[in-house]
C-alpha atoms as a PDB file:
ATOM      1  CA  UNK A   1      30.480  19.025 -15.189  1.00  0.00           C
ATOM      2  CA  UNK A   2      30.113  17.758 -11.127  1.00  0.00           C
ATOM      3  CA  UNK A   3      28.997  14.369 -10.100  1.00  0.00           C
ATOM      4  CA  UNK A   4      25.696  13.874  -8.822  1.00  0.00           C
ATOM      5  CA  UNK A   5      25.006  11.901  -5.875  1.00  0.00           C
ATOM      6  CA  UNK A   6      22.354  10.701  -3.711  1.00  0.00           C
ATOM      7  CA  UNK A   7      21.013  12.890  -0.238  1.00  0.00           C
ATOM      8  CA  UNK A   8      22.051  11.888   2.739  1.00  0.00           C
ATOM      9  CA  UNK A   9      18.924   9.813   4.893  1.00  0.00           C
ATOM     10  CA  UNK A  10      18.482  13.044   6.758  1.00  0.00           C
ATOM     11  CA  UNK A  11      17.880  15.688   3.909  1.00  0.00           C
ATOM     12  CA  UNK A  12      15.845  13.287   2.725  1.00  0.00           C
ATOM     13  CA  UNK A  13      13.234  13.017   5.354  1.00  0.00           C
ATOM     14  CA  UNK A  14      13.700  16.689   5.904  1.00  0.00           C
ATOM     15  CA  UNK A  15      12.655  17.081   2.933  1.00  0.00           C
ATOM     16  CA  UNK A  16       9.947  14.640   3.201  1.00  0.00           C
ATOM     17  CA  UNK A  17       8.578  16.842   6.413  1.00  0.00           C
ATOM     18  CA  UNK A  18       8.597  19.616   4.994  1.00  0.00           C
ATOM     19  CA  UNK A  19       6.373  18.390   1.962  1.00  0.00           C
ATOM     20  CA  UNK A  20       3.615  16.230   3.720  1.00  0.00           C
ATOM     21  CA  UNK A  21       0.154  17.596   4.351  1.00  0.00           C
ATOM     22  CA  UNK A  22      -1.362  18.288   7.792  1.00  0.00           C
ATOM     23  CA  UNK A  23      -2.792  14.893   7.596  1.00  0.00           C
ATOM     24  CA  UNK A  24       0.438  13.249   7.131  1.00  0.00           C
ATOM     25  CA  UNK A  25       2.187  15.279   9.280  1.00  0.00           C
ATOM     26  CA  UNK A  26      -0.285  13.756  12.128  1.00  0.00           C
ATOM     27  CA  UNK A  27       0.235  10.328  11.068  1.00  0.00           C
ATOM     28  CA  UNK A  28       4.492  11.097  11.113  1.00  0.00           C
ATOM     29  CA  UNK A  29       4.538  12.525  14.682  1.00  0.00           C
ATOM     30  CA  UNK A  30       2.457   9.184  16.174  1.00  0.00           C
ATOM     31  CA  UNK A  31       5.516   6.963  14.412  1.00  0.00           C
ATOM     32  CA  UNK A  32       8.073   5.790  16.871  1.00  0.00           C
ATOM     33  CA  UNK A  33      11.458   8.069  17.055  1.00  0.00           C
ATOM     34  CA  UNK A  34      13.197   5.065  15.466  1.00  0.00           C
ATOM     35  CA  UNK A  35      11.135   5.159  12.582  1.00  0.00           C
ATOM     36  CA  UNK A  36      10.991   8.579  12.132  1.00  0.00           C
ATOM     37  CA  UNK A  37      14.506   8.517  12.271  1.00  0.00           C
ATOM     38  CA  UNK A  38      15.429   6.127   9.471  1.00  0.00           C
ATOM     39  CA  UNK A  39      14.458   6.402   5.871  1.00  0.00           C
ATOM     40  CA  UNK A  40      14.101   3.209   4.753  1.00  0.00           C
ATOM     41  CA  UNK A  41      11.479   2.197   7.479  1.00  0.00           C
ATOM     42  CA  UNK A  42       9.923   5.694   6.711  1.00  0.00           C
ATOM     43  CA  UNK A  43       9.561   5.586   3.274  1.00  0.00           C
ATOM     44  CA  UNK A  44       8.638   1.800   3.350  1.00  0.00           C
ATOM     45  CA  UNK A  45       5.490   2.249   6.175  1.00  0.00           C
ATOM     46  CA  UNK A  46       4.909   5.217   4.009  1.00  0.00           C
ATOM     47  CA  UNK A  47       4.352   3.575   0.677  1.00  0.00           C
ATOM     48  CA  UNK A  48       2.371   0.634   2.340  1.00  0.00           C
ATOM     49  CA  UNK A  49      -0.340   3.047   3.815  1.00  0.00           C
ATOM     50  CA  UNK A  50      -0.656   5.888   1.380  1.00  0.00           C
ATOM     51  CA  UNK A  51       0.798   4.491  -2.219  1.00  0.00           C
ATOM     52  CA  UNK A  52      -1.063   2.106  -3.920  1.00  0.00           C
ATOM     53  CA  UNK A  53      -0.086   0.201  -7.127  1.00  0.00           C
ATOM     54  CA  UNK A  54      -3.075   1.452 -10.158  1.00  0.00           C
ATOM     55  CA  UNK A  55      -4.262  -2.221 -10.942  1.00  0.00           C
ATOM     56  CA  UNK A  56      -7.488  -2.980 -13.058  1.00  0.00           C
ATOM     57  CA  UNK A  57     -10.202  -4.765 -10.969  1.00  0.00           C
ATOM     58  CA  UNK A  58      -9.841  -7.291 -13.660  1.00  0.00           C
ATOM     59  CA  UNK A  59      -6.020  -7.842 -12.875  1.00  0.00           C
ATOM     60  CA  UNK A  60      -6.301  -8.141  -9.127  1.00  0.00           C
ATOM     61  CA  UNK A  61      -9.431 -10.514  -9.381  1.00  0.00           C
ATOM     62  CA  UNK A  62      -7.391 -13.014 -12.429  1.00  0.00           C
ATOM     63  CA  UNK A  63      -3.950 -12.794  -9.976  1.00  0.00           C
ATOM     64  CA  UNK A  64      -5.599 -13.367  -6.117  1.00  0.00           C
ATOM     65  CA  UNK A  65      -4.489 -15.832  -4.241  1.00  0.00           C
ATOM     66  CA  UNK A  66      -6.041 -17.000  -0.942  1.00  0.00           C
ATOM     67  CA  UNK A  67      -3.950 -16.223   2.427  1.00  0.00           C
ATOM     68  CA  UNK A  68      -2.248 -19.130   4.523  1.00  0.00           C
ATOM     69  CA  UNK A  69      -4.209 -18.096   7.186  1.00  0.00           C
ATOM     70  CA  UNK A  70      -7.581 -17.818   4.914  1.00  0.00           C
ATOM     71  CA  UNK A  71     -10.247 -20.145   5.772  1.00  0.00           C
ATOM     72  CA  UNK A  72     -11.711 -20.852   2.219  1.00  0.00           C
ATOM     73  CA  UNK A  73     -14.621 -20.029   2.444  1.00  0.00           C
ATOM     74  CA  UNK A  74     -13.822 -16.383   3.414  1.00  0.00           C
ATOM     75  CA  UNK A  75     -11.315 -16.418   0.180  1.00  0.00           C
ATOM     76  CA  UNK A  76     -14.439 -17.037  -2.015  1.00  0.00           C
ATOM     77  CA  UNK A  77     -15.803 -14.127  -0.331  1.00  0.00           C
ATOM     78  CA  UNK A  78     -13.002 -11.760  -1.180  1.00  0.00           C
ATOM     79  CA  UNK A  79     -12.754 -13.367  -5.007  1.00  0.00           C
ATOM     80  CA  UNK A  80     -16.577 -13.078  -5.383  1.00  0.00           C
ATOM     81  CA  UNK A  81     -16.170  -9.281  -4.447  1.00  0.00           C
ATOM     82  CA  UNK A  82     -13.384  -8.559  -6.782  1.00  0.00           C
ATOM     83  CA  UNK A  83     -15.260 -10.482  -9.788  1.00  0.00           C
ATOM     84  CA  UNK A  84     -18.224  -8.364  -8.945  1.00  0.00           C
ATOM     85  CA  UNK A  85     -15.895  -5.047  -9.586  1.00  0.00           C
ATOM     86  CA  UNK A  86     -14.340  -6.823 -12.547  1.00  0.00           C
ATOM     87  CA  UNK A  87     -17.385  -6.935 -13.637  1.00  0.00           C
ATOM     88  CA  UNK A  88     -16.412 -10.629 -14.443  1.00  0.00           C
ATOM     89  CA  UNK A  89     -19.439 -12.640 -15.524  1.00  0.00           C
ATOM     90  CA  UNK A  90     -20.588 -15.232 -12.917  1.00  0.00           C
ATOM     91  CA  UNK A  91     -23.370 -16.999 -11.589  1.00  0.00           C
ATOM     92  CA  UNK A  92     -24.596 -17.407  -7.868  1.00  0.00           C
ATOM     93  CA  UNK A  93     -26.141 -20.546  -6.840  1.00  0.00           C
ATOM     94  CA  UNK A  94     -29.383 -19.701  -5.546  1.00  0.00           C
ATOM     95  CA  UNK A  95     -30.883 -22.085  -3.419  1.00  0.00           C
END
């Protein structure tokens, strides 16, 4: 039985380019050359832009954290929007 290893980075990039749609090819073409020729950078950028984890709205709501540069009011707006999506019952304060 032959031992199998992983593909070299050049082959991964070649395979990636051959399998992507026209829209993603346009995105790929505008990347800096250093990113297009570095599999680790390319795959990281692609995942951040096109791949999302499948997390329920409720889980997203209950695990939300305030960003360090975010004002409290902006965080509460995000939190309330997430609560609506997660169908979490909450009362609004009407004046």
